[in-house]
Amino acid sequence: MFTILFIAALVASVLVKFWLARRQIQHVLAHRNAVPERFATVVSLSAHQKAADYTVARTRLASIEILAEAVLLVGLTLLGGIQALDQGLNTLLSGTSIPNLIRGIALVCAVGLISALVDLPFSVYRQFVLEVRFGFNRMSIALFVADLLKGLVLLFLLGLPLLAAVLYLMSQAGAAWWVYAWLVWIGFSLLILLLYPTLIAPWFNKFQPLEDSSLRARIDALLARCGFATKGVFVMDGSKRSAHGNAYFTGFGASKRIVFFDTLLDRLSAPEIEAVLAHELGHFKKRHVLKRIAWSFAASFVGLALLGWLKQEPWFFSGLGVDPSLATRDAVALTLFFFVMPVFTFLLSPLISLASRKHEYEADAFAAAQTRPADLVAALVKLYEDNASTLTPDPLHSAFYDSHPPAALRIQRLDASPV
């Protein structure tokens, strides 16, 4: 019965994703030859058409990825991929005294490696074909490979201990193992939030203190008005990978810092940069960051509780093409859960996007109260243009996939803000 339910959910999710992609492509192309009236004086037709073509190209590539992911999932489950991997590891390790914990880690790593290899051609195409075609790529092949290797090292140093801890708890902590695993996950997540700004991020990018004294004075005045304390304002060399621009806050508690992409500083004026920063400050002042962390912890609590139940049910394994009596049962349960659950939760995506969009509107309103709304509007227009983000997304596709409201809706609200 569970097999039928899984197949039905998988087919439904794939069909909905294809339908949404088709809607997006048709909608964007239908509006390709005319800049929306609100943007007609600030966005050229050529820039609007570039954004349309870029969006269509990304959506078509994403459609192929959807199919590849579905094929991989069926191969790992119903066609016996995970079962075969487990048997292969048993054959390879036969006659050794390697404990089941290590065998389980090896199985999860093997599945992760296969998934990464399936994703790799798409990443390469996206970076060195699609991004090059539209003039965004600045990453060399050497840097791409270096990033991959650094990511693997981080997975080894941080991911493997976490995986080992969870698998140990699954086998040794009794029926309440998932509660202890949840506490471990909370501690791990908070540790990463603390370490990321000073230890992890600098391994991939260079961060220099903001040197523009006049801009720094403007930023310091904004921070003082908002009562925000930070460990520093930094400029990141994002231009070595991409022409896209961005700004963000990182860290937690005393490790908070503000980061600007160098590409963003090159493009925006000082008032526009201040407005973008005010928007990001709005997320903190409205406690969006804490709310998102709390939501993440609540979702992980529910997910682990569900996994705690499913791992005891033979039908969960057999329904997905795996023998429930495997010695690496805990590792298999963990792997199946994280591969299969997105199939059943995809239709909840609009609810998650809706909550995120609410936060974006609130942050925009905060920025409009702290700076001139017109400056944030001007910054948003430049960012949408520089990142080739379409001004005319399909509303339904956007509701599923976009954490930020469409440009037209954001700017409509900002236009109505008191000056």
Protein backbone atom coordinates (compact mmCIF):
# COMPACT_ATOMS: atom_id res chain seq x y z
CA MET A 1 0.00 0.00 0.00
CA PHE A 2 2.80 2.43 0.92
CA THR A 3 4.48 1.69 -2.41
CA ILE A 4 1.37 2.82 -4.28
CA LEU A 5 1.11 5.93 -2.09
CA PHE A 6 4.76 6.78 -2.72
CA ILE A 7 4.46 6.32 -6.49
CA ALA A 8 1.31 8.43 -6.57
CA ALA A 9 2.94 11.22 -4.55
CA LEU A 10 6.09 11.13 -6.69
CA VAL A 11 4.17 11.23 -9.97
CA ALA A 12 1.93 14.02 -8.66
CA SER A 13 4.86 16.14 -7.46
CA VAL A 14 6.78 15.70 -10.71
CA LEU A 15 3.72 16.54 -12.82
CA VAL A 16 2.98 19.64 -10.71
CA LYS A 17 6.60 20.78 -11.01
CA PHE A 18 6.53 20.32 -14.79
CA TRP A 19 3.21 22.15 -14.99
CA LEU A 20 4.56 25.04 -12.93
CA ALA A 21 7.70 25.21 -15.08
CA ARG A 22 5.58 25.29 -18.25
CA ARG A 23 3.43 28.07 -16.79
CA GLN A 24 6.53 30.05 -15.85
CA ILE A 25 8.08 29.77 -19.31
CA GLN A 26 4.85 30.67 -21.10
CA HIS A 27 4.12 33.61 -18.81
CA VAL A 28 7.62 35.07 -19.00
CA LEU A 29 7.80 34.72 -22.80
CA ALA A 30 4.33 36.26 -23.18
CA HIS A 31 5.59 39.41 -21.43
CA ARG A 32 9.08 39.38 -22.94
CA ASN A 33 8.58 42.18 -25.45
CA ALA A 34 7.20 44.85 -23.14
CA VAL A 35 8.66 46.28 -19.95
CA PRO A 36 5.99 46.60 -17.22
CA GLU A 37 4.70 50.16 -17.10
CA ARG A 38 6.07 50.90 -13.60
CA PHE A 39 9.59 50.03 -14.78
CA ALA A 40 9.46 51.44 -18.31
CA THR A 41 11.58 54.49 -17.48
CA VAL A 42 14.23 52.66 -15.45
CA VAL A 43 14.63 49.25 -17.12
CA SER A 44 15.57 48.98 -20.77
CA LEU A 45 13.80 46.55 -23.09
CA SER A 46 17.08 44.73 -23.72
CA ALA A 47 17.62 44.21 -19.96
CA HIS A 48 14.02 43.02 -19.57
CA GLN A 49 14.44 40.55 -22.43
CA LYS A 50 17.74 39.32 -21.00
CA ALA A 51 16.00 38.62 -17.69
CA ALA A 52 13.22 36.77 -19.53
CA ASP A 53 15.66 34.62 -21.48
CA TYR A 54 17.74 33.92 -18.37
CA THR A 55 14.64 32.89 -16.42
CA VAL A 56 13.45 30.60 -19.21
CA ALA A 57 16.88 28.98 -19.53
CA ARG A 58 17.10 28.35 -15.77
CA THR A 59 13.57 26.96 -15.67
CA ARG A 60 14.25 24.55 -18.54
CA LEU A 61 17.41 23.32 -16.83
CA ALA A 62 15.48 22.91 -13.57
CA SER A 63 12.91 20.79 -15.41
CA ILE A 64 15.62 18.37 -16.52
CA GLU A 65 16.94 18.28 -12.95
CA ILE A 66 13.46 17.40 -11.68
CA LEU A 67 13.37 14.40 -13.99
CA ALA A 68 16.90 13.31 -13.06
CA GLU A 69 16.10 13.55 -9.33
CA ALA A 70 12.94 11.47 -9.79
CA VAL A 71 14.83 8.79 -11.72
CA LEU A 72 17.54 8.72 -9.05
CA LEU A 73 14.95 8.40 -6.29
CA VAL A 74 13.18 5.51 -7.99
CA GLY A 75 16.54 3.87 -8.69
CA LEU A 76 17.62 4.11 -5.06
CA THR A 77 14.31 2.88 -3.70
CA LEU A 78 11.91 0.77 -5.76
CA LEU A 79 14.58 -0.48 -8.17
CA GLY A 80 16.78 -1.66 -5.30
CA GLY A 81 19.66 0.81 -5.37
CA ILE A 82 20.03 1.21 -1.61
CA GLN A 83 19.57 -2.54 -1.11
CA ALA A 84 22.33 -3.21 -3.67
CA LEU A 85 24.65 -0.66 -2.05
CA ASP A 86 24.16 -2.29 1.33
CA GLN A 87 24.89 -5.74 -0.10
CA GLY A 88 27.94 -4.40 -1.91
CA LEU A 89 29.30 -2.87 1.30
CA ASN A 90 28.66 -6.15 3.16
CA THR A 91 30.59 -8.05 0.50
CA LEU A 92 33.41 -5.51 0.56
CA LEU A 93 33.63 -5.53 4.36
CA SER A 94 32.95 -9.24 4.88
CA GLY A 95 35.39 -10.90 7.24
CA THR A 96 36.17 -7.62 9.03
CA SER A 97 35.18 -6.51 12.51
CA ILE A 98 33.95 -3.10 11.40
CA PRO A 99 30.92 -2.21 13.57
CA ASN A 100 27.49 -1.52 12.12
CA LEU A 101 27.84 2.17 12.98
CA ILE A 102 30.73 2.53 10.53
CA ARG A 103 28.89 0.44 7.94
CA GLY A 104 25.89 2.72 8.30
CA ILE A 105 28.04 5.83 7.84
CA ALA A 106 29.58 4.24 4.76
CA LEU A 107 26.12 3.52 3.31
CA VAL A 108 24.89 7.09 3.85
CA CYS A 109 28.10 8.45 2.32
CA ALA A 110 27.76 6.14 -0.70
CA VAL A 111 24.19 7.33 -1.35
CA GLY A 112 25.28 10.94 -0.86
CA LEU A 113 28.14 10.48 -3.30
CA ILE A 114 25.84 9.04 -5.97
CA SER A 115 23.43 11.95 -5.50
CA ALA A 116 26.28 14.44 -5.77
CA LEU A 117 27.56 12.81 -8.97
CA VAL A 118 24.09 13.05 -10.51
CA ASP A 119 23.91 16.73 -9.56
CA LEU A 120 27.46 17.58 -10.71
CA PRO A 121 26.77 17.83 -14.48
CA PHE A 122 23.92 20.26 -13.77
CA SER A 123 26.14 22.39 -11.55
CA VAL A 124 28.86 22.45 -14.19
CA TYR A 125 26.39 23.33 -16.95
CA ARG A 126 24.74 26.01 -14.85
CA GLN A 127 28.05 27.65 -13.95
CA PHE A 128 30.07 27.29 -17.15
CA VAL A 129 27.39 27.34 -19.83
CA LEU A 130 24.27 29.11 -18.63
CA GLU A 131 25.97 31.72 -16.42
CA VAL A 132 28.62 32.33 -19.10
CA ARG A 133 25.96 32.77 -21.79
CA PHE A 134 24.34 35.58 -19.81
CA GLY A 135 27.58 37.19 -18.68
CA PHE A 136 27.44 36.33 -14.98
CA ASN A 137 30.17 33.74 -14.50
CA ARG A 138 33.54 34.84 -13.19
CA MET A 139 34.55 31.54 -11.65
CA SER A 140 37.46 29.56 -13.05
CA ILE A 141 37.39 25.79 -13.31
CA ALA A 142 40.18 25.67 -10.72
CA LEU A 143 38.10 27.68 -8.25
CA PHE A 144 35.06 25.48 -8.95
CA VAL A 145 37.10 22.36 -8.15
CA ALA A 146 38.62 24.03 -5.08
CA ASP A 147 35.14 24.86 -3.77
CA LEU A 148 34.05 21.25 -4.27
CA LEU A 149 37.07 19.94 -2.39
CA LYS A 150 36.62 22.42 0.45
CA GLY A 151 32.98 21.41 0.68
CA LEU A 152 34.00 17.76 0.97
CA VAL A 153 36.47 18.62 3.74
CA LEU A 154 33.75 20.48 5.63
CA LEU A 155 31.40 17.51 5.25
CA PHE A 156 34.12 15.26 6.64
CA LEU A 157 34.96 17.55 9.56
CA LEU A 158 31.42 18.62 10.48
CA GLY A 159 28.94 16.32 8.75
CA LEU A 160 30.45 12.95 9.62
CA PRO A 161 30.57 13.57 13.40
CA LEU A 162 26.93 14.71 13.30
CA LEU A 163 25.92 11.66 11.26
CA ALA A 164 27.83 9.35 13.61
CA ALA A 165 26.16 10.92 16.64
CA VAL A 166 22.66 10.53 15.17
CA LEU A 167 23.23 6.92 14.09
CA TYR A 168 24.68 6.09 17.52
CA LEU A 169 21.63 7.55 19.24
CA MET A 170 19.30 5.67 16.88
CA SER A 171 20.86 2.37 17.90
CA GLN A 172 21.64 2.98 21.57
CA ALA A 173 19.27 5.57 23.06
CA GLY A 174 16.02 3.59 22.96
CA ALA A 175 12.63 4.78 21.76
CA ALA A 176 13.36 8.39 22.72
CA TRP A 177 16.50 8.54 20.57
CA TRP A 178 14.95 11.17 18.31
CA VAL A 179 14.59 13.62 21.21
CA TYR A 180 18.30 13.37 21.96
CA ALA A 181 19.10 13.62 18.25
CA TRP A 182 16.99 16.77 18.09
CA LEU A 183 18.97 18.32 20.95
CA VAL A 184 22.21 17.40 19.19
CA TRP A 185 20.89 19.01 16.00
CA ILE A 186 20.02 22.23 17.86
CA GLY A 187 23.49 22.41 19.37
CA PHE A 188 25.13 21.68 16.02
CA SER A 189 23.06 24.34 14.22
CA LEU A 190 23.84 27.02 16.81
CA LEU A 191 27.52 26.10 16.68
CA ILE A 192 27.57 26.50 12.89
CA LEU A 193 25.85 29.90 13.21
CA LEU A 194 28.61 31.00 15.57
CA LEU A 195 31.51 29.56 13.58
CA TYR A 196 30.39 30.42 10.04
CA PRO A 197 31.35 34.13 9.97
CA THR A 198 34.86 33.75 11.34
CA LEU A 199 35.99 30.23 10.43
CA ILE A 200 33.95 28.81 7.56
CA ALA A 201 33.08 31.72 5.25
CA PRO A 202 36.68 33.11 5.15
CA TRP A 203 37.83 29.75 3.80
CA PHE A 204 35.88 30.41 0.61
CA ASN A 205 36.03 34.21 0.30
CA LYS A 206 38.08 37.17 1.43
CA PHE A 207 36.44 39.62 3.80
CA GLN A 208 37.82 43.12 4.18
CA PRO A 209 36.53 45.83 6.53
CA LEU A 210 34.56 48.50 4.68
CA GLU A 211 37.05 51.26 3.88
CA ASP A 212 34.77 53.93 2.43
CA SER A 213 34.67 56.34 5.39
CA SER A 214 31.64 58.33 4.24
CA LEU A 215 29.63 55.18 3.57
CA ARG A 216 30.76 53.68 6.87
CA ALA A 217 29.64 56.84 8.69
CA ARG A 218 26.23 56.57 7.03
CA ILE A 219 25.98 52.91 8.01
CA ASP A 220 27.08 53.59 11.59
CA ALA A 221 24.40 56.27 11.90
CA LEU A 222 21.76 53.83 10.65
CA LEU A 223 22.93 51.14 13.06
CA ALA A 224 22.81 53.62 15.93
CA ARG A 225 19.27 54.71 15.00
CA CYS A 226 18.16 51.10 14.93
CA GLY A 227 20.01 50.08 18.09
CA PHE A 228 21.91 47.33 16.31
CA ALA A 229 25.32 46.08 17.50
CA THR A 230 27.62 44.25 15.11
CA LYS A 231 31.15 42.90 15.08
CA GLY A 232 31.89 44.76 11.87
CA VAL A 233 30.92 45.72 8.34
CA PHE A 234 32.79 43.73 5.69
CA VAL A 235 33.14 43.60 1.92
CA MET A 236 33.29 40.13 0.33
CA ASP A 237 35.02 39.38 -2.97
CA GLY A 238 31.91 37.90 -4.56
CA SER A 239 33.08 39.14 -7.95
CA LYS A 240 35.61 36.30 -8.21
CA ARG A 241 32.70 33.89 -8.69
CA SER A 242 29.82 35.85 -10.14
CA ALA A 243 28.59 39.23 -11.31
CA HIS A 244 25.49 38.85 -9.13
CA GLY A 245 25.29 41.21 -6.17
CA ASN A 246 23.93 40.79 -2.66
CA ALA A 247 24.19 41.81 0.97
CA TYR A 248 23.49 39.79 4.09
CA PHE A 249 23.85 39.42 7.81
CA THR A 250 25.64 36.43 9.18
CA GLY A 251 26.39 35.03 12.59
CA PHE A 252 24.45 34.81 15.79
CA GLY A 253 24.63 36.73 19.05
CA ALA A 254 28.00 38.39 19.51
CA SER A 255 29.33 37.09 16.17
CA LYS A 256 26.87 39.09 14.00
CA ARG A 257 28.45 40.88 11.08
CA ILE A 258 27.25 42.74 7.99
CA VAL A 259 28.57 41.60 4.62
CA PHE A 260 28.32 43.40 1.28
CA PHE A 261 29.29 41.82 -2.03
CA ASP A 262 31.85 44.01 -3.78
CA THR A 263 29.65 43.81 -6.89
CA LEU A 264 26.78 45.42 -4.97
CA LEU A 265 28.94 48.28 -3.70
CA ASP A 266 30.13 48.95 -7.24
CA ARG A 267 26.58 49.24 -8.53
CA LEU A 268 24.55 51.05 -5.86
CA SER A 269 24.79 54.60 -4.56
CA ALA A 270 25.36 55.30 -0.85
CA PRO A 271 21.66 56.04 -0.12
CA GLU A 272 20.66 52.86 -1.96
CA ILE A 273 23.18 50.79 0.00
CA GLU A 274 21.82 52.27 3.22
CA ALA A 275 18.29 51.33 2.17
CA VAL A 276 19.31 47.74 1.39
CA LEU A 277 21.03 47.51 4.77
CA ALA A 278 17.93 48.92 6.46
CA HIS A 279 15.90 46.13 4.87
CA GLU A 280 18.27 43.53 6.29
CA LEU A 281 18.16 45.27 9.67
CA GLY A 282 14.39 44.99 9.47
CA HIS A 283 14.69 41.21 9.55
CA PHE A 284 16.55 41.43 12.85
CA LYS A 285 14.39 44.14 14.41
CA LYS A 286 11.24 42.19 13.52
CA ARG A 287 12.86 39.03 14.93
CA HIS A 288 12.53 37.23 11.61
CA VAL A 289 15.86 35.49 12.10
CA LEU A 290 14.86 34.12 15.49
CA LYS A 291 11.46 33.11 14.15
CA ARG A 292 13.05 31.24 11.25
CA ILE A 293 15.46 29.48 13.58
CA ALA A 294 12.57 28.55 15.87
CA TRP A 295 10.55 27.31 12.90
CA SER A 296 13.51 25.24 11.71
CA PHE A 297 13.89 23.65 15.13
CA ALA A 298 10.14 22.96 15.36
CA ALA A 299 10.12 21.37 11.90
CA SER A 300 13.14 19.22 12.75
CA PHE A 301 11.40 18.13 15.97
CA VAL A 302 8.35 16.96 14.04
CA GLY A 303 10.49 15.36 11.34
CA LEU A 304 12.63 13.41 13.79
CA ALA A 305 9.55 12.31 15.72
CA LEU A 306 8.08 11.00 12.46
CA LEU A 307 11.34 9.24 11.64
CA GLY A 308 11.35 7.74 15.13
CA TRP A 309 8.00 6.12 14.33
CA LEU A 310 8.75 5.13 10.73
CA LYS A 311 12.02 3.35 11.54
CA GLN A 312 10.07 0.85 13.62
CA GLU A 313 7.61 0.05 10.81
CA PRO A 314 8.61 -2.74 8.39
CA TRP A 315 6.21 -1.42 5.73
CA PHE A 316 8.22 1.79 5.51
CA PHE A 317 11.26 -0.17 4.33
CA SER A 318 9.58 -2.84 2.23
CA GLY A 319 7.31 -0.26 0.61
CA LEU A 320 10.42 1.52 -0.67
CA GLY A 321 12.22 -1.56 -1.92
CA VAL A 322 14.45 -2.28 1.07
CA ASP A 323 14.66 -5.37 3.31
CA PRO A 324 13.63 -4.28 6.86
CA SER A 325 16.06 -6.76 8.44
CA LEU A 326 19.24 -5.07 7.17
CA ALA A 327 21.98 -4.69 9.75
CA THR A 328 22.29 -1.04 8.67
CA ARG A 329 18.56 -0.49 9.21
CA ASP A 330 19.05 2.81 11.06
CA ALA A 331 21.20 4.30 8.31
CA VAL A 332 18.74 3.08 5.69
CA ALA A 333 15.82 4.63 7.57
CA LEU A 334 17.64 7.95 7.82
CA THR A 335 18.53 7.90 4.13
CA LEU A 336 15.07 6.92 2.95
CA PHE A 337 13.43 9.54 5.12
CA PHE A 338 15.43 12.49 3.80
CA PHE A 339 15.16 11.37 0.19
CA VAL A 340 11.46 10.49 0.27
CA MET A 341 9.87 13.12 2.53
CA PRO A 342 10.26 16.01 0.03
CA VAL A 343 7.94 14.07 -2.29
CA PHE A 344 5.17 14.29 0.30
CA THR A 345 5.85 17.84 1.49
CA PHE A 346 6.29 19.65 -1.84
CA LEU A 347 2.70 20.86 -1.91
CA LEU A 348 3.35 22.71 1.35
CA SER A 349 5.86 24.97 -0.42
CA PRO A 350 3.41 27.87 -0.93
CA LEU A 351 2.80 28.07 2.82
CA ILE A 352 6.52 28.36 3.51
CA SER A 353 6.91 30.95 0.75
CA LEU A 354 3.95 32.89 2.11
CA ALA A 355 5.53 33.19 5.55
CA SER A 356 8.84 34.26 3.99
CA ARG A 357 7.13 36.87 1.82
CA LYS A 358 5.37 38.31 4.85
CA HIS A 359 8.77 38.83 6.45
CA GLU A 360 10.09 40.51 3.30
CA TYR A 361 7.19 42.96 3.24
CA GLU A 362 7.77 43.75 6.92
CA ALA A 363 11.49 44.31 6.31
CA ASP A 364 10.68 46.60 3.36
CA ALA A 365 8.30 48.59 5.57
CA PHE A 366 10.99 48.91 8.23
CA ALA A 367 13.50 50.13 5.64
CA ALA A 368 10.98 52.62 4.27
CA ALA A 369 10.58 54.05 7.79
CA GLN A 370 14.34 54.35 8.34
CA THR A 371 15.39 55.57 4.87
CA ARG A 372 13.74 57.05 1.81
CA PRO A 373 11.42 54.48 0.16
CA ALA A 374 12.55 55.77 -3.22
CA ASP A 375 16.13 54.70 -2.43
CA LEU A 376 15.07 51.14 -1.68
CA VAL A 377 12.96 51.10 -4.86
CA ALA A 378 15.96 52.26 -6.90
CA ALA A 379 18.19 49.64 -5.27
CA LEU A 380 15.68 46.86 -5.89
CA VAL A 381 15.32 47.82 -9.55
CA LYS A 382 19.10 47.71 -10.00
CA LEU A 383 19.40 44.40 -8.18
CA TYR A 384 16.63 42.80 -10.21
CA GLU A 385 18.23 44.11 -13.40
CA ASP A 386 21.79 43.11 -12.46
CA ASN A 387 20.71 39.62 -11.38
CA ALA A 388 18.46 39.25 -14.46
CA SER A 389 15.48 38.47 -12.25
CA THR A 390 12.32 38.57 -14.27
CA LEU A 391 9.85 41.35 -13.49
CA THR A 392 6.99 39.21 -14.80
CA PRO A 393 7.06 35.79 -13.10
CA ASP A 394 4.07 33.50 -13.27
CA PRO A 395 2.17 34.14 -10.00
CA LEU A 396 1.58 30.46 -9.23
CA HIS A 397 5.16 29.41 -9.98
CA SER A 398 6.35 32.29 -7.83
CA ALA A 399 4.07 31.24 -4.99
CA PHE A 400 5.73 27.80 -4.91
CA TYR A 401 9.35 28.74 -5.41
CA ASP A 402 10.04 32.38 -4.56
CA SER A 403 10.85 33.33 -0.98
CA HIS A 404 10.67 37.02 -1.98
CA PRO A 405 7.59 38.71 -3.43
CA PRO A 406 7.73 39.67 -7.12
CA ALA A 407 9.36 43.04 -7.78
CA ALA A 408 6.13 44.67 -8.91
CA LEU A 409 4.33 43.84 -5.66
CA ARG A 410 7.22 44.95 -3.44
CA ILE A 411 7.63 48.22 -5.25
CA GLN A 412 3.89 48.85 -5.32
CA ARG A 413 3.87 48.76 -1.52
CA LEU A 414 6.97 50.92 -1.27
CA ASP A 415 5.45 53.49 -3.63
CA ALA A 416 2.53 53.76 -1.22
CA SER A 417 4.82 54.29 1.80
CA PRO A 418 4.96 57.75 3.41
CA VAL A 419 7.93 59.71 2.10
